[in-house]
Amino acid sequence: MVKVISLSNEAYERLKSIKRDKSFSEVVVSLINESKIKNKDVMKFAGAFKDKKKWDDVKKIIEEDRKNARMREVKF
């Protein structure tokens, strides 16, 4: 079954730029599958810091890294 959808010009151009030899449908399905995989990967970290001591240790490391970080100057 075929459905007609509307896309903004920007969305169309982005899909067109990554489609290569695939159909638009194949590109959309592929992007949705990639998105689902990425979202599931995040869930494996749920509850990782139930132990407050571990979380406190990680926070200390993060805070120390932030103190030691230096901003770089970027010229355009």
C-alpha atoms as a PDB file:
ATOM      1  CA  MET A   1       0.000   0.000   0.000  1.00  0.00           C
ATOM      2  CA  VAL A   2       1.324   3.448  -0.885  1.00  0.00           C
ATOM      3  CA  LYS A   3       0.657   6.581   1.157  1.00  0.00           C
ATOM      4  CA  VAL A   4       1.295  10.151   0.119  1.00  0.00           C
ATOM      5  CA  ILE A   5       3.047  12.361   2.674  1.00  0.00           C
ATOM      6  CA  SER A   6       4.166  15.988   2.643  1.00  0.00           C
ATOM      7  CA  LEU A   7       7.668  17.070   3.590  1.00  0.00           C
ATOM      8  CA  SER A   8       9.226  20.471   3.986  1.00  0.00           C
ATOM      9  CA  ASN A   9      11.780  21.362   1.336  1.00  0.00           C
ATOM     10  CA  GLU A  10      14.509  20.981   3.948  1.00  0.00           C
ATOM     11  CA  ALA A  11      13.356  17.477   4.944  1.00  0.00           C
ATOM     12  CA  TYR A  12      13.104  16.437   1.300  1.00  0.00           C
ATOM     13  CA  GLU A  13      16.589  17.722   0.472  1.00  0.00           C
ATOM     14  CA  ARG A  14      18.106  15.980   3.492  1.00  0.00           C
ATOM     15  CA  LEU A  15      16.480  12.664   2.603  1.00  0.00           C
ATOM     16  CA  LYS A  16      17.467  13.100  -1.026  1.00  0.00           C
ATOM     17  CA  SER A  17      21.101  13.739  -0.038  1.00  0.00           C
ATOM     18  CA  ILE A  18      21.406  10.429   1.849  1.00  0.00           C
ATOM     19  CA  LYS A  19      19.237   8.252  -0.361  1.00  0.00           C
ATOM     20  CA  ARG A  20      21.798   7.371  -3.066  1.00  0.00           C
ATOM     21  CA  ASP A  21      20.552   4.154  -4.725  1.00  0.00           C
ATOM     22  CA  LYS A  22      17.811   3.506  -2.134  1.00  0.00           C
ATOM     23  CA  SER A  23      14.177   4.474  -2.349  1.00  0.00           C
ATOM     24  CA  PHE A  24      12.835   7.182  -0.060  1.00  0.00           C
ATOM     25  CA  SER A  25      10.876   4.484   1.794  1.00  0.00           C
ATOM     26  CA  GLU A  26      14.042   2.470   2.422  1.00  0.00           C
ATOM     27  CA  VAL A  27      15.827   5.556   3.754  1.00  0.00           C
ATOM     28  CA  VAL A  28      12.969   6.425   6.127  1.00  0.00           C
ATOM     29  CA  VAL A  29      12.735   2.848   7.452  1.00  0.00           C
ATOM     30  CA  SER A  30      16.522   2.728   7.913  1.00  0.00           C
ATOM     31  CA  LEU A  31      16.548   6.017   9.842  1.00  0.00           C
ATOM     32  CA  ILE A  32      13.712   4.858  12.093  1.00  0.00           C
ATOM     33  CA  ASN A  33      15.488   1.570  12.812  1.00  0.00           C
ATOM     34  CA  GLU A  34      18.723   3.420  13.667  1.00  0.00           C
ATOM     35  CA  SER A  35      16.792   5.722  15.997  1.00  0.00           C
ATOM     36  CA  LYS A  36      15.205   2.774  17.804  1.00  0.00           C
ATOM     37  CA  ILE A  37      18.592   1.114  18.260  1.00  0.00           C
ATOM     38  CA  LYS A  38      20.106   4.278  19.709  1.00  0.00           C
ATOM     39  CA  ASN A  39      17.202   4.741  22.116  1.00  0.00           C
ATOM     40  CA  LYS A  40      17.473   1.148  23.348  1.00  0.00           C
ATOM     41  CA  ASP A  41      21.206   1.517  23.946  1.00  0.00           C
ATOM     42  CA  VAL A  42      20.566   4.324  26.419  1.00  0.00           C
ATOM     43  CA  MET A  43      18.253   2.143  28.477  1.00  0.00           C
ATOM     44  CA  LYS A  44      21.052  -0.244  29.394  1.00  0.00           C
ATOM     45  CA  PHE A  45      22.377   2.484  31.696  1.00  0.00           C
ATOM     46  CA  ALA A  46      19.136   2.865  33.634  1.00  0.00           C
ATOM     47  CA  GLY A  47      19.833   2.391  37.333  1.00  0.00           C
ATOM     48  CA  ALA A  48      23.595   2.310  36.822  1.00  0.00           C
ATOM     49  CA  PHE A  49      24.170   4.621  39.789  1.00  0.00           C
ATOM     50  CA  LYS A  50      21.854   3.153  42.391  1.00  0.00           C
ATOM     51  CA  ASP A  51      24.868   3.022  44.690  1.00  0.00           C
ATOM     52  CA  LYS A  52      25.267   6.599  45.969  1.00  0.00           C
ATOM     53  CA  LYS A  53      28.981   6.153  46.670  1.00  0.00           C
ATOM     54  CA  LYS A  54      29.690   5.209  43.046  1.00  0.00           C
ATOM     55  CA  TRP A  55      27.738   8.256  41.852  1.00  0.00           C
ATOM     56  CA  ASP A  56      29.629  10.526  44.267  1.00  0.00           C
ATOM     57  CA  ASP A  57      32.928   9.155  42.922  1.00  0.00           C
ATOM     58  CA  VAL A  58      31.857   9.818  39.329  1.00  0.00           C
ATOM     59  CA  LYS A  59      30.716  13.349  40.220  1.00  0.00           C
ATOM     60  CA  LYS A  60      34.108  14.084  41.779  1.00  0.00           C
ATOM     61  CA  ILE A  61      35.882  12.938  38.620  1.00  0.00           C
ATOM     62  CA  ILE A  62      33.587  15.048  36.430  1.00  0.00           C
ATOM     63  CA  GLU A  63      34.046  18.122  38.618  1.00  0.00           C
ATOM     64  CA  GLU A  64      37.828  17.679  38.592  1.00  0.00           C
ATOM     65  CA  ASP A  65      37.863  17.317  34.796  1.00  0.00           C
ATOM     66  CA  ARG A  66      35.789  20.474  34.435  1.00  0.00           C
ATOM     67  CA  LYS A  67      38.189  22.425  36.665  1.00  0.00           C
ATOM     68  CA  ASN A  68      41.157  21.271  34.597  1.00  0.00           C
ATOM     69  CA  ALA A  69      39.530  21.885  31.219  1.00  0.00           C
ATOM     70  CA  ARG A  70      40.748  24.849  29.218  1.00  0.00           C
ATOM     71  CA  MET A  71      38.729  26.713  26.651  1.00  0.00           C
ATOM     72  CA  ARG A  72      40.225  26.825  23.198  1.00  0.00           C
ATOM     73  CA  GLU A  73      39.971  29.890  21.068  1.00  0.00           C
ATOM     74  CA  VAL A  74      38.257  29.256  17.771  1.00  0.00           C
ATOM     75  CA  LYS A  75      38.732  31.687  14.908  1.00  0.00           C
ATOM     76  CA  PHE A  76      36.298  31.824  12.027  1.00  0.00           C
END
